[in-house]
Amino acid sequence: MEETDLKIKKFVYKIRGRLREQSIIDYLLRFVVMGLSAALITSVISLFVPFYYAVLLATVIVIVAFITGIVLGFKKTPAPMEAALRADAKGYKEKISTAFFLNGREDVFSKLLKDEVGKIADSFVVRKEFPLHISWNYMSLVIVLAVLFAAASIKDTPAKERAAILHTVKKEAKDEIAQLEKVEKAIAENREISENEMADIKEQLENAKKELAEADSREKLKKASERISKKMEQKSEQTGNKTLSETLNQAAKEAEQRIADKDKELAKAAREAMEKADKGSKKEKQEAYKKLKDLAENLGDEELKQAAENYKDSQFSDSDYAAAQSAMNNAVSKMQENTNVYANNSSNPNNNLNSSSNYTNNTQGSSQATVSNKNNQSVTQNAQNANQGQSGNGSQQGNGQGSGDGNGNSAGNGQGSGAGSGNGWNYGSKNGKEGAKKTGEDITVPSGELGNDGNLTGKANGNDSSTKSTSNQANTWSGDKVNYGQVSGKYKDKAYKKINGSNYPGRLKDKIKNYFDGLN
């Protein structure tokens, strides 16, 4: 009889196993639908709100839902007796459940019943009697949600791009903070630093770490790193502690090198990506766009940003590819120039003055001024070509030579010829003396129009108008007569704006500003 009992038990557990499979399917479908719904919501939110880990979180949600469905399916598996009762429902009038309950009984009634159930087990086809049912409503919902989730996950949006940038920035900021912590540790080991100086340095380092942690773009992170490097460099020059000075100076140099290396790394990545994108696939073109954006963000180059966006918006057309390539080359050239200027200024302080003067010439351009004597007689002077020789055929009547007397009468008649070097020099001023700096003198400021008019309004030698001669080799500009002190400030403001909007290193900007401050 033990053999019959074992046979009935296996039969009941086989039915139970089939019911477990159905339970797992049911719970799995339900929880996968819930998981995909939550994942889809997360992915849709990430389309509009920067959330770098949205796809990862959504994937984890789906996996957790899948595992939960399987676990609950096992947990909700019917008990053996319930499985026997479910088998009885197929028309066996509780015979199977009763025989399973009478396990181990040896009375005649129990033996007869178990023998009968043993024969039922031999003919009972579990797969046929308990086929697996899949809810097609749930299944359809799973497919739709999965497709929508996949689409939302791979779709690029500005928010996703922003999230990727923020993630990279936070990672790089964390590395920079780690470097500052090393500096902080090295300084803490210096026993020769006074308490006040130590407290001041710690405060500066804490503020620096906070500034790095709050950076939300490549450009801000780079500028924060540059400011911190500059502060450490200044502190190294101010402190009287040699060890502290060396530590801060070395940290500043390493920070500057990391900034330069990052620029080069991004430039190299952008260049390589653009080379692949030239004849490459759409995926490679998309990658080139991302690398261009990374470089533009790091350099703060608006022209490159716009070129990259145009390249993407045009579906990566050849014309916009060429424009993006040109913008990238310009950005890299500027980056290299700024790096060289900064390196030269760091190694040779005298170069700062030269760089400032060159920048001044660029910002002022080819400005012209007319210095008037007290009788309102004027001599036009070209500021850009004042010390340059004129080359060409023929001769040029120009802006050069003048003689002045004590009454302020002035006449100018300069010559320059052939490969000539201009010998003309303005010897006349309203005070009859060359070389004196008079900020109160009247000058004419160019209005920006090329002068084709024959007359200039005003009074010259008591007349109502003066005549202007035109040279074939030089342009002249009409202008308004103002006091020098009035316009010098405007030129300085204009130069300040250009300096602040440029990528010049901070040290060079200070030198240039000092130059303009000294003009008055």
Protein backbone atom coordinates (compact mmCIF):
# COMPACT_ATOMS: atom_id res chain seq x y z
CA MET A 1 0.00 0.00 0.00
CA GLU A 2 2.90 2.29 0.52
CA GLU A 3 3.51 2.17 -3.22
CA THR A 4 -0.08 3.33 -3.91
CA ASP A 5 0.21 6.15 -1.36
CA LEU A 6 3.44 7.34 -2.98
CA LYS A 7 1.84 7.19 -6.43
CA ILE A 8 -1.12 9.33 -5.28
CA LYS A 9 1.19 11.82 -3.58
CA LYS A 10 3.30 12.28 -6.74
CA PHE A 11 0.12 12.68 -8.76
CA VAL A 12 -1.20 15.43 -6.47
CA TYR A 13 2.18 17.26 -6.41
CA LYS A 14 2.35 17.08 -10.19
CA ILE A 15 -1.00 18.84 -10.35
CA ARG A 16 0.26 21.35 -7.80
CA GLY A 17 3.34 22.06 -9.92
CA ARG A 18 1.16 22.82 -12.91
CA LEU A 19 -0.93 25.19 -10.79
CA ARG A 20 2.31 26.87 -9.62
CA GLU A 21 3.26 27.57 -13.24
CA GLN A 22 -0.09 29.20 -13.82
CA SER A 23 0.26 31.26 -10.65
CA ILE A 24 3.70 32.52 -11.71
CA ILE A 25 2.41 33.52 -15.14
CA ASP A 26 -0.51 35.42 -13.65
CA TYR A 27 1.53 37.33 -11.05
CA LEU A 28 4.42 37.91 -13.42
CA LEU A 29 2.20 39.58 -16.03
CA ARG A 30 0.53 41.77 -13.43
CA PHE A 31 3.77 42.97 -11.86
CA VAL A 32 5.56 43.44 -15.17
CA VAL A 33 2.69 45.70 -16.26
CA MET A 34 3.07 47.70 -13.03
CA GLY A 35 6.84 47.81 -13.39
CA LEU A 36 6.74 48.93 -17.03
CA SER A 37 4.17 51.58 -16.17
CA ALA A 38 6.42 52.99 -13.45
CA ALA A 39 9.45 52.75 -15.75
CA LEU A 40 7.62 54.53 -18.55
CA ILE A 41 6.61 57.35 -16.22
CA THR A 42 10.24 57.70 -15.07
CA SER A 43 11.51 57.78 -18.66
CA VAL A 44 8.90 60.33 -19.75
CA ILE A 45 9.84 62.59 -16.84
CA SER A 46 13.50 62.34 -17.88
CA LEU A 47 12.56 63.70 -21.30
CA PHE A 48 11.80 67.06 -19.69
CA VAL A 49 13.68 67.02 -16.38
CA PRO A 50 17.45 66.34 -16.26
CA PHE A 51 17.81 62.95 -14.58
CA TYR A 52 20.88 61.03 -15.66
CA TYR A 53 19.97 57.76 -13.94
CA ALA A 54 16.40 57.67 -15.25
CA VAL A 55 16.96 54.74 -17.64
CA LEU A 56 18.94 52.83 -15.04
CA LEU A 57 16.27 53.40 -12.41
CA ALA A 58 13.50 52.41 -14.84
CA THR A 59 15.37 49.22 -15.75
CA VAL A 60 15.82 48.37 -12.08
CA ILE A 61 12.10 48.92 -11.50
CA VAL A 62 11.23 46.48 -14.30
CA ILE A 63 13.70 43.88 -13.00
CA VAL A 64 12.37 44.19 -9.45
CA ALA A 65 8.80 43.86 -10.73
CA PHE A 66 9.78 40.75 -12.72
CA ILE A 67 11.42 39.11 -9.72
CA THR A 68 8.54 40.09 -7.44
CA GLY A 69 6.05 38.47 -9.82
CA ILE A 70 8.00 35.21 -9.81
CA VAL A 71 8.40 35.20 -6.02
CA LEU A 72 4.73 35.91 -5.42
CA GLY A 73 3.81 33.28 -8.00
CA PHE A 74 5.72 30.69 -5.96
CA LYS A 75 4.31 31.99 -2.70
CA LYS A 76 0.74 31.88 -3.94
CA THR A 77 1.02 28.30 -5.21
CA PRO A 78 -1.98 26.23 -3.99
CA ALA A 79 -1.38 23.79 -1.16
CA PRO A 80 -1.34 20.03 -2.02
CA MET A 81 -4.85 19.47 -0.66
CA GLU A 82 -6.15 22.44 -2.66
CA ALA A 83 -4.48 20.98 -5.76
CA ALA A 84 -6.26 17.64 -5.08
CA LEU A 85 -9.58 19.44 -4.72
CA ARG A 86 -8.92 21.29 -8.01
CA ALA A 87 -8.37 17.89 -9.64
CA ASP A 88 -11.61 16.58 -8.13
CA ALA A 89 -13.41 19.48 -9.78
CA LYS A 90 -12.72 17.77 -13.10
CA GLY A 91 -15.51 15.28 -12.27
CA TYR A 92 -13.97 12.96 -9.71
CA LYS A 93 -16.26 13.85 -6.77
CA GLU A 94 -13.58 14.36 -4.10
CA LYS A 95 -12.05 10.93 -4.64
CA ILE A 96 -8.55 12.29 -5.27
CA SER A 97 -8.58 14.61 -2.26
CA THR A 98 -9.99 11.86 0.01
CA ALA A 99 -7.43 9.28 -1.13
CA PHE A 100 -4.64 11.85 -0.59
CA PHE A 101 -6.04 12.50 2.90
CA LEU A 102 -6.13 8.71 3.70
CA ASN A 103 -2.40 8.38 3.14
CA GLY A 104 -1.12 5.51 5.36
CA ARG A 105 -4.56 4.08 6.19
CA GLU A 106 -4.82 0.27 5.80
CA ASP A 107 -8.57 -0.34 6.23
CA VAL A 108 -10.53 -1.95 3.42
CA PHE A 109 -12.41 1.19 2.41
CA SER A 110 -9.18 3.21 2.23
CA LYS A 111 -7.43 0.52 0.17
CA LEU A 112 -10.28 0.30 -2.33
CA LEU A 113 -10.46 4.09 -2.75
CA LYS A 114 -6.71 4.50 -3.15
CA ASP A 115 -6.57 1.71 -5.71
CA GLU A 116 -9.24 3.50 -7.73
CA VAL A 117 -7.43 6.85 -7.50
CA GLY A 118 -4.21 5.11 -8.58
CA LYS A 119 -5.93 4.05 -11.78
CA ILE A 120 -7.24 7.63 -12.25
CA ALA A 121 -3.65 8.93 -11.92
CA ASP A 122 -2.52 6.60 -14.70
CA SER A 123 -5.05 8.03 -17.15
CA PHE A 124 -5.04 11.64 -15.97
CA VAL A 125 -3.18 13.99 -18.37
CA VAL A 126 -2.21 17.01 -16.27
CA ARG A 127 -1.25 19.27 -19.22
CA LYS A 128 -4.56 18.58 -20.90
CA GLU A 129 -6.68 18.97 -17.79
CA PHE A 130 -4.79 22.06 -16.59
CA PRO A 131 -3.63 23.98 -19.67
CA LEU A 132 -1.69 27.20 -19.06
CA HIS A 133 -3.71 30.35 -19.71
CA ILE A 134 -2.10 33.65 -20.67
CA SER A 135 -4.15 36.80 -20.33
CA TRP A 136 -3.83 38.43 -23.73
CA ASN A 137 -5.08 41.69 -22.29
CA TYR A 138 -2.12 41.78 -19.93
CA MET A 139 0.20 40.49 -22.64
CA SER A 140 -0.85 43.22 -25.07
CA LEU A 141 -0.38 45.83 -22.37
CA VAL A 142 3.12 44.49 -21.63
CA ILE A 143 4.10 44.78 -25.32
CA VAL A 144 2.73 48.31 -25.69
CA LEU A 145 4.38 49.53 -22.47
CA ALA A 146 7.69 47.88 -23.42
CA VAL A 147 7.73 49.60 -26.82
CA LEU A 148 6.88 52.98 -25.30
CA PHE A 149 9.51 52.54 -22.60
CA ALA A 150 12.18 51.65 -25.17
CA ALA A 151 11.25 54.66 -27.32
CA ALA A 152 11.33 57.05 -24.36
CA SER A 153 14.66 55.61 -23.22
CA ILE A 154 16.50 56.10 -26.53
CA LYS A 155 14.96 59.44 -27.48
CA ASP A 156 17.38 62.36 -27.17
CA THR A 157 16.09 65.61 -25.67
CA PRO A 158 17.76 68.75 -24.31
CA ALA A 159 16.95 67.56 -20.80
CA LYS A 160 18.78 64.29 -21.38
CA GLU A 161 21.77 66.10 -22.86
CA ARG A 162 21.74 68.41 -19.88
CA ALA A 163 21.60 65.43 -17.51
CA ALA A 164 24.61 63.85 -19.22
CA ILE A 165 26.58 67.09 -18.95
CA LEU A 166 25.66 67.50 -15.27
CA HIS A 167 26.73 63.94 -14.56
CA THR A 168 30.12 64.50 -16.21
CA VAL A 169 30.58 67.85 -14.49
CA LYS A 170 29.77 66.41 -11.05
CA LYS A 171 32.20 63.56 -11.66
CA GLU A 172 35.00 65.94 -12.70
CA ALA A 173 34.17 68.28 -9.82
CA LYS A 174 34.48 65.34 -7.44
CA ASP A 175 37.96 64.62 -8.83
CA GLU A 176 38.97 68.28 -8.38
CA ILE A 177 37.64 68.26 -4.81
CA ALA A 178 39.72 65.15 -4.13
CA GLN A 179 42.82 67.04 -5.31
CA LEU A 180 41.99 69.94 -2.99
CA GLU A 181 41.61 67.51 -0.10
CA LYS A 182 45.12 66.25 -0.80
CA VAL A 183 46.39 69.83 -0.67
CA GLU A 184 44.46 70.38 2.56
CA LYS A 185 46.02 67.27 4.08
CA ALA A 186 49.53 68.34 3.04
CA ILE A 187 49.02 71.80 4.54
CA ALA A 188 47.66 70.34 7.79
CA GLU A 189 50.93 68.45 8.23
CA ASN A 190 52.90 71.72 8.11
CA ARG A 191 53.50 72.63 11.77
CA GLU A 192 55.15 75.94 10.95
CA ILE A 193 51.94 77.65 9.77
CA SER A 194 50.33 80.01 12.23
CA GLU A 195 46.82 79.30 13.48
CA ASN A 196 45.35 82.36 11.81
CA GLU A 197 46.91 81.53 8.45
CA MET A 198 45.87 77.90 8.76
CA ALA A 199 42.29 78.92 9.49
CA ASP A 200 42.29 81.31 6.54
CA ILE A 201 43.61 78.66 4.14
CA LYS A 202 41.13 76.07 5.36
CA GLU A 203 38.28 78.52 4.84
CA GLN A 204 39.48 79.26 1.32
CA LEU A 205 39.77 75.55 0.51
CA GLU A 206 36.30 74.85 1.89
CA ASN A 207 34.85 77.67 -0.20
CA ALA A 208 36.71 76.30 -3.23
CA LYS A 209 35.27 72.82 -2.72
CA LYS A 210 31.80 74.28 -2.34
CA GLU A 211 32.21 76.30 -5.53
CA LEU A 212 33.30 73.20 -7.44
CA ALA A 213 30.41 71.15 -6.05
CA GLU A 214 27.89 73.80 -7.15
CA ALA A 215 29.17 74.02 -10.75
CA ASP A 216 26.43 72.90 -13.14
CA SER A 217 28.22 73.25 -16.49
CA ARG A 218 31.62 72.55 -17.98
CA GLU A 219 32.23 76.25 -18.45
CA LYS A 220 31.44 77.09 -14.81
CA LEU A 221 33.56 74.20 -13.58
CA LYS A 222 36.49 75.36 -15.70
CA LYS A 223 36.18 78.96 -14.54
CA ALA A 224 35.89 77.83 -10.92
CA SER A 225 39.04 75.74 -11.31
CA GLU A 226 40.87 78.69 -12.88
CA ARG A 227 39.82 81.01 -10.06
CA ILE A 228 40.88 78.50 -7.42
CA SER A 229 44.23 78.00 -9.14
CA LYS A 230 44.76 81.76 -9.29
CA LYS A 231 43.91 82.16 -5.59
CA MET A 232 46.36 79.43 -4.60
CA GLU A 233 49.02 81.06 -6.74
CA GLN A 234 48.40 84.45 -5.12
CA LYS A 235 48.42 82.91 -1.65
CA SER A 236 51.72 81.19 -2.43
CA GLU A 237 53.22 84.60 -3.26
CA GLN A 238 51.81 86.27 -0.15
CA THR A 239 52.75 83.75 2.51
CA GLY A 240 56.09 83.89 4.25
CA ASN A 241 56.12 80.13 4.85
CA LYS A 242 58.35 78.57 2.20
CA THR A 243 56.87 75.06 2.49
CA LEU A 244 53.33 76.40 2.25
CA SER A 245 54.29 78.56 -0.73
CA GLU A 246 55.77 75.57 -2.56
CA THR A 247 52.73 73.40 -1.78
CA LEU A 248 50.23 75.96 -3.03
CA ASN A 249 52.30 76.88 -6.06
CA GLN A 250 52.66 73.23 -7.06
CA ALA A 251 48.92 72.65 -6.57
CA ALA A 252 48.15 75.69 -8.73
CA LYS A 253 50.42 74.45 -11.52
CA GLU A 254 48.88 70.98 -11.41
CA ALA A 255 45.38 72.47 -11.58
CA GLU A 256 46.35 74.59 -14.59
CA GLN A 257 47.83 71.53 -16.27
CA ARG A 258 44.64 69.53 -15.67
CA ILE A 259 42.60 72.33 -17.24
CA ALA A 260 44.86 72.42 -20.29
CA ASP A 261 44.86 68.63 -20.59
CA LYS A 262 41.06 68.55 -20.43
CA ASP A 263 40.80 71.14 -23.21
CA LYS A 264 43.18 69.11 -25.37
CA GLU A 265 41.35 65.88 -24.62
CA LEU A 266 37.97 67.30 -25.62
CA ALA A 267 39.45 68.95 -28.73
CA LYS A 268 41.05 65.69 -29.80
CA ALA A 269 37.82 63.74 -29.21
CA ALA A 270 35.80 66.29 -31.23
CA ARG A 271 38.29 66.23 -34.10
CA GLU A 272 38.35 62.43 -34.27
CA ALA A 273 34.56 62.24 -34.10
CA MET A 274 34.21 64.77 -36.90
CA GLU A 275 36.61 62.79 -39.08
CA LYS A 276 34.51 59.65 -38.60
CA ALA A 277 31.29 61.58 -39.21
CA ASP A 278 32.45 62.92 -42.58
CA LYS A 279 31.46 59.76 -44.45
CA GLY A 280 30.11 57.87 -41.50
CA SER A 281 26.78 56.57 -40.26
CA LYS A 282 24.09 58.58 -38.54
CA LYS A 283 25.23 57.19 -35.21
CA GLU A 284 28.75 58.51 -35.84
CA LYS A 285 27.34 61.89 -36.87
CA GLN A 286 25.31 61.97 -33.67
CA GLU A 287 28.43 61.16 -31.69
CA ALA A 288 30.28 64.00 -33.46
CA TYR A 289 27.52 66.40 -32.44
CA LYS A 290 27.88 65.34 -28.81
CA LYS A 291 31.65 65.79 -28.87
CA LEU A 292 31.28 69.25 -30.42
CA LYS A 293 28.81 70.20 -27.70
CA ASP A 294 31.21 68.96 -25.00
CA LEU A 295 34.04 71.05 -26.44
CA ALA A 296 31.82 74.12 -26.85
CA GLU A 297 30.51 73.79 -23.29
CA ASN A 298 34.01 73.50 -21.90
CA LEU A 299 35.35 76.49 -23.85
CA GLY A 300 32.18 78.56 -23.51
CA ASP A 301 32.25 79.06 -27.29
CA GLU A 302 28.80 80.20 -28.43
CA GLU A 303 29.73 80.07 -32.10
CA LEU A 304 30.66 76.39 -31.84
CA LYS A 305 27.52 75.64 -29.81
CA GLN A 306 25.33 77.17 -32.50
CA ALA A 307 27.22 75.40 -35.29
CA ALA A 308 26.77 72.06 -33.52
CA GLU A 309 23.04 72.67 -33.07
CA ASN A 310 22.67 73.67 -36.73
CA TYR A 311 24.51 70.50 -37.75
CA LYS A 312 22.10 68.37 -35.75
CA ASP A 313 18.94 70.28 -36.76
CA SER A 314 19.81 69.93 -40.45
CA GLN A 315 19.94 66.16 -40.04
CA PHE A 316 23.73 66.34 -40.45
CA SER A 317 23.87 68.01 -43.86
CA ASP A 318 27.22 68.46 -45.65
CA SER A 319 27.02 72.26 -45.59
CA ASP A 320 26.41 72.37 -41.85
CA TYR A 321 29.13 69.78 -41.37
CA ALA A 322 31.58 72.16 -43.05
CA ALA A 323 30.35 75.05 -40.88
CA ALA A 324 30.71 72.95 -37.74
CA GLN A 325 34.20 71.87 -38.82
CA SER A 326 35.20 75.51 -39.35
CA ALA A 327 33.75 76.58 -35.99
CA MET A 328 35.59 73.73 -34.29
CA ASN A 329 38.89 74.72 -35.90
CA ASN A 330 38.38 78.35 -34.85
CA ALA A 331 37.57 77.30 -31.28
CA VAL A 332 40.65 75.08 -31.08
CA SER A 333 42.83 77.87 -32.51
CA LYS A 334 41.54 80.31 -29.90
CA MET A 335 42.13 77.74 -27.20
CA GLN A 336 45.71 77.21 -28.33
CA GLU A 337 46.36 80.96 -28.60
CA ASN A 338 45.04 81.57 -25.11
CA THR A 339 47.10 78.69 -23.76
CA ASN A 340 50.24 80.07 -25.42
CA VAL A 341 49.57 83.62 -24.22
CA TYR A 342 49.01 82.43 -20.68
CA ALA A 343 52.14 80.26 -20.78
CA ASN A 344 54.23 83.14 -22.14
CA ASN A 345 52.91 85.55 -19.53
CA SER A 346 53.55 83.08 -16.74
CA SER A 347 57.15 82.56 -17.85
CA ASN A 348 57.89 86.19 -18.81
CA PRO A 349 55.99 88.96 -16.97
CA ASN A 350 57.24 91.53 -19.50
CA ASN A 351 55.08 89.90 -22.16
CA ASN A 352 51.99 91.03 -20.31
CA LEU A 353 52.57 94.63 -21.32
CA ASN A 354 53.19 93.70 -24.95
CA SER A 355 50.08 91.53 -25.05
CA SER A 356 48.08 94.32 -23.51
CA SER A 357 49.32 96.79 -26.10
CA ASN A 358 48.51 94.40 -28.94
CA TYR A 359 45.05 93.84 -27.59
CA THR A 360 44.58 97.60 -27.24
CA ASN A 361 45.42 98.09 -30.90
CA ASN A 362 42.89 95.43 -31.85
CA THR A 363 40.11 96.92 -29.77
CA GLN A 364 40.69 100.46 -30.89
CA GLY A 365 41.18 99.53 -34.55
CA SER A 366 42.21 102.20 -37.01
CA SER A 367 40.78 105.16 -35.16
CA GLN A 368 41.52 108.66 -36.49
CA ALA A 369 41.56 111.97 -34.70
CA THR A 370 41.86 115.59 -35.70
CA VAL A 371 43.75 117.84 -33.31
CA SER A 372 42.54 121.44 -33.51
CA ASN A 373 44.42 124.62 -32.64
CA LYS A 374 42.77 127.55 -30.88
CA ASN A 375 41.86 129.02 -34.30
CA ASN A 376 39.99 125.75 -35.10
CA GLN A 377 42.54 124.85 -37.78
CA SER A 378 42.82 121.01 -37.91
CA VAL A 379 45.31 118.42 -39.04
CA THR A 380 44.01 114.91 -39.69
CA GLN A 381 46.11 112.24 -38.07
CA ASN A 382 45.81 108.50 -38.75
CA ALA A 383 46.49 106.77 -35.43
CA GLN A 384 47.08 103.38 -36.95
CA ASN A 385 49.56 104.44 -39.65
CA ALA A 386 51.31 107.22 -37.75
CA ASN A 387 54.60 105.36 -37.47
CA GLN A 388 54.36 103.18 -40.59
CA GLY A 389 55.92 103.76 -43.98
CA GLN A 390 53.66 103.86 -47.04
CA SER A 391 54.52 101.66 -49.98
CA GLY A 392 53.30 102.05 -53.52
CA ASN A 393 53.75 104.22 -56.53
CA GLY A 394 53.61 107.95 -56.55
CA SER A 395 53.51 110.13 -53.51
CA GLN A 396 51.01 110.65 -50.77
CA GLN A 397 49.99 113.89 -49.21
CA GLY A 398 49.28 113.00 -45.64
CA ASN A 399 49.06 113.36 -42.06
CA GLY A 400 52.49 114.16 -41.05
CA GLN A 401 54.50 117.24 -40.82
CA GLY A 402 53.35 120.37 -39.09
CA SER A 403 54.86 123.53 -37.79
CA GLY A 404 53.42 125.61 -35.02
CA ASP A 405 53.96 129.07 -33.73
CA GLY A 406 53.08 130.62 -30.47
CA ASN A 407 49.78 131.89 -31.85
CA GLY A 408 48.66 128.37 -32.49
CA ASN A 409 48.74 128.55 -36.32
CA SER A 410 49.52 125.16 -37.69
CA ALA A 411 50.14 123.75 -41.13
CA GLY A 412 50.85 120.18 -41.97
CA ASN A 413 52.34 118.82 -45.17
CA GLY A 414 53.90 115.38 -44.85
CA GLN A 415 55.40 113.25 -47.64
CA GLY A 416 55.83 109.54 -48.00
CA SER A 417 56.98 107.89 -51.23
CA GLY A 418 58.05 104.64 -52.88
CA ALA A 419 58.96 102.04 -50.33
CA GLY A 420 59.17 105.13 -48.23
CA SER A 421 59.34 105.53 -44.58
CA GLY A 422 57.05 108.26 -43.41
CA ASN A 423 59.11 111.23 -42.33
CA GLY A 424 56.16 113.36 -41.39
CA TRP A 425 55.66 114.29 -37.76
CA ASN A 426 53.17 116.60 -36.20
CA TYR A 427 55.13 119.49 -34.76
CA GLY A 428 52.13 121.71 -34.37
CA SER A 429 49.68 121.95 -31.51
CA LYS A 430 47.45 124.66 -30.24
CA ASN A 431 50.21 125.54 -27.79
CA GLY A 432 52.86 125.73 -30.51
CA LYS A 433 54.78 122.88 -28.91
CA GLU A 434 55.10 119.21 -29.82
CA GLY A 435 54.90 116.36 -27.36
CA ALA A 436 52.94 117.80 -24.47
CA LYS A 437 50.07 115.55 -23.28
CA LYS A 438 46.95 117.66 -23.09
CA THR A 439 43.92 115.66 -22.13
CA GLY A 440 41.82 118.78 -22.53
CA GLU A 441 42.55 119.07 -26.25
CA ASP A 442 39.70 118.83 -28.73
CA ILE A 443 39.68 115.83 -31.06
CA THR A 444 37.31 114.58 -33.74
CA VAL A 445 35.91 111.09 -33.29
CA PRO A 446 35.13 109.04 -36.44
CA SER A 447 31.47 108.47 -37.05
CA GLY A 448 32.14 105.29 -39.01
CA GLU A 449 31.19 106.68 -42.42
CA LEU A 450 33.70 106.85 -45.27
CA GLY A 451 34.13 110.54 -46.09
CA ASN A 452 32.98 111.38 -49.58
CA ASP A 453 31.66 114.83 -48.68
CA GLY A 454 33.62 117.83 -49.84
CA ASN A 455 33.07 119.95 -46.75
CA LEU A 456 33.12 119.61 -42.99
CA THR A 457 30.98 121.91 -40.93
CA GLY A 458 32.71 124.18 -38.46
CA LYS A 459 34.92 127.22 -38.56
CA ALA A 460 38.44 127.19 -39.91
CA ASN A 461 40.46 130.44 -39.98
CA GLY A 462 37.27 132.39 -39.44
CA ASN A 463 35.39 130.83 -42.38
CA ASP A 464 32.15 128.92 -42.17
CA SER A 465 33.50 125.74 -43.68
CA SER A 466 36.71 123.91 -44.32
CA THR A 467 37.70 121.73 -47.24
CA LYS A 468 38.97 118.23 -46.97
CA SER A 469 41.33 116.73 -49.55
CA THR A 470 41.11 113.02 -50.39
CA SER A 471 44.09 110.75 -50.91
CA ASN A 472 43.97 107.80 -53.31
CA GLN A 473 45.86 105.64 -50.84
CA ALA A 474 44.05 106.31 -47.59
CA ASN A 475 40.48 106.49 -46.37
CA THR A 476 39.27 109.39 -44.28
CA TRP A 477 36.38 109.53 -41.90
CA SER A 478 34.10 112.37 -40.96
CA GLY A 479 33.70 112.95 -37.26
CA ASP A 480 32.42 115.07 -34.41
CA LYS A 481 34.69 117.37 -32.39
CA VAL A 482 34.73 116.50 -28.70
CA ASN A 483 37.01 116.83 -25.71
CA TYR A 484 39.56 114.01 -25.36
CA GLY A 485 38.60 113.36 -21.76
CA GLN A 486 34.98 112.76 -22.76
CA VAL A 487 35.68 109.94 -25.21
CA SER A 488 38.59 108.21 -23.51
CA GLY A 489 36.24 106.80 -20.88
CA LYS A 490 33.93 105.47 -23.57
CA TYR A 491 36.80 103.76 -25.34
CA LYS A 492 37.83 102.26 -22.02
CA ASP A 493 34.30 100.96 -21.35
CA LYS A 494 34.15 99.49 -24.85
CA ALA A 495 37.48 97.76 -24.34
CA TYR A 496 36.35 96.46 -20.92
CA LYS A 497 33.30 94.84 -22.50
CA LYS A 498 35.39 93.13 -25.15
CA ILE A 499 37.89 91.96 -22.56
CA ASN A 500 35.21 90.55 -20.25
CA GLY A 501 33.58 88.72 -23.15
CA SER A 502 36.84 87.18 -24.34
CA ASN A 503 38.67 83.99 -23.40
CA TYR A 504 41.85 85.81 -22.35
CA PRO A 505 43.39 84.48 -19.10
CA GLY A 506 42.52 86.47 -16.00
CA ARG A 507 46.08 87.70 -15.55
CA LEU A 508 46.19 89.14 -19.07
CA LYS A 509 42.77 90.77 -18.62
CA ASP A 510 44.05 92.58 -15.53
CA LYS A 511 47.08 93.87 -17.45
CA ILE A 512 44.92 95.14 -20.29
CA LYS A 513 42.53 96.87 -17.91
CA ASN A 514 45.47 98.50 -16.16
CA TYR A 515 46.64 99.82 -19.53
CA PHE A 516 43.30 101.50 -20.23
CA ASP A 517 43.08 102.79 -16.67
CA GLY A 518 46.32 104.65 -17.31
CA LEU A 519 45.13 106.40 -20.48
CA ASN A 520 43.53 109.27 -18.57
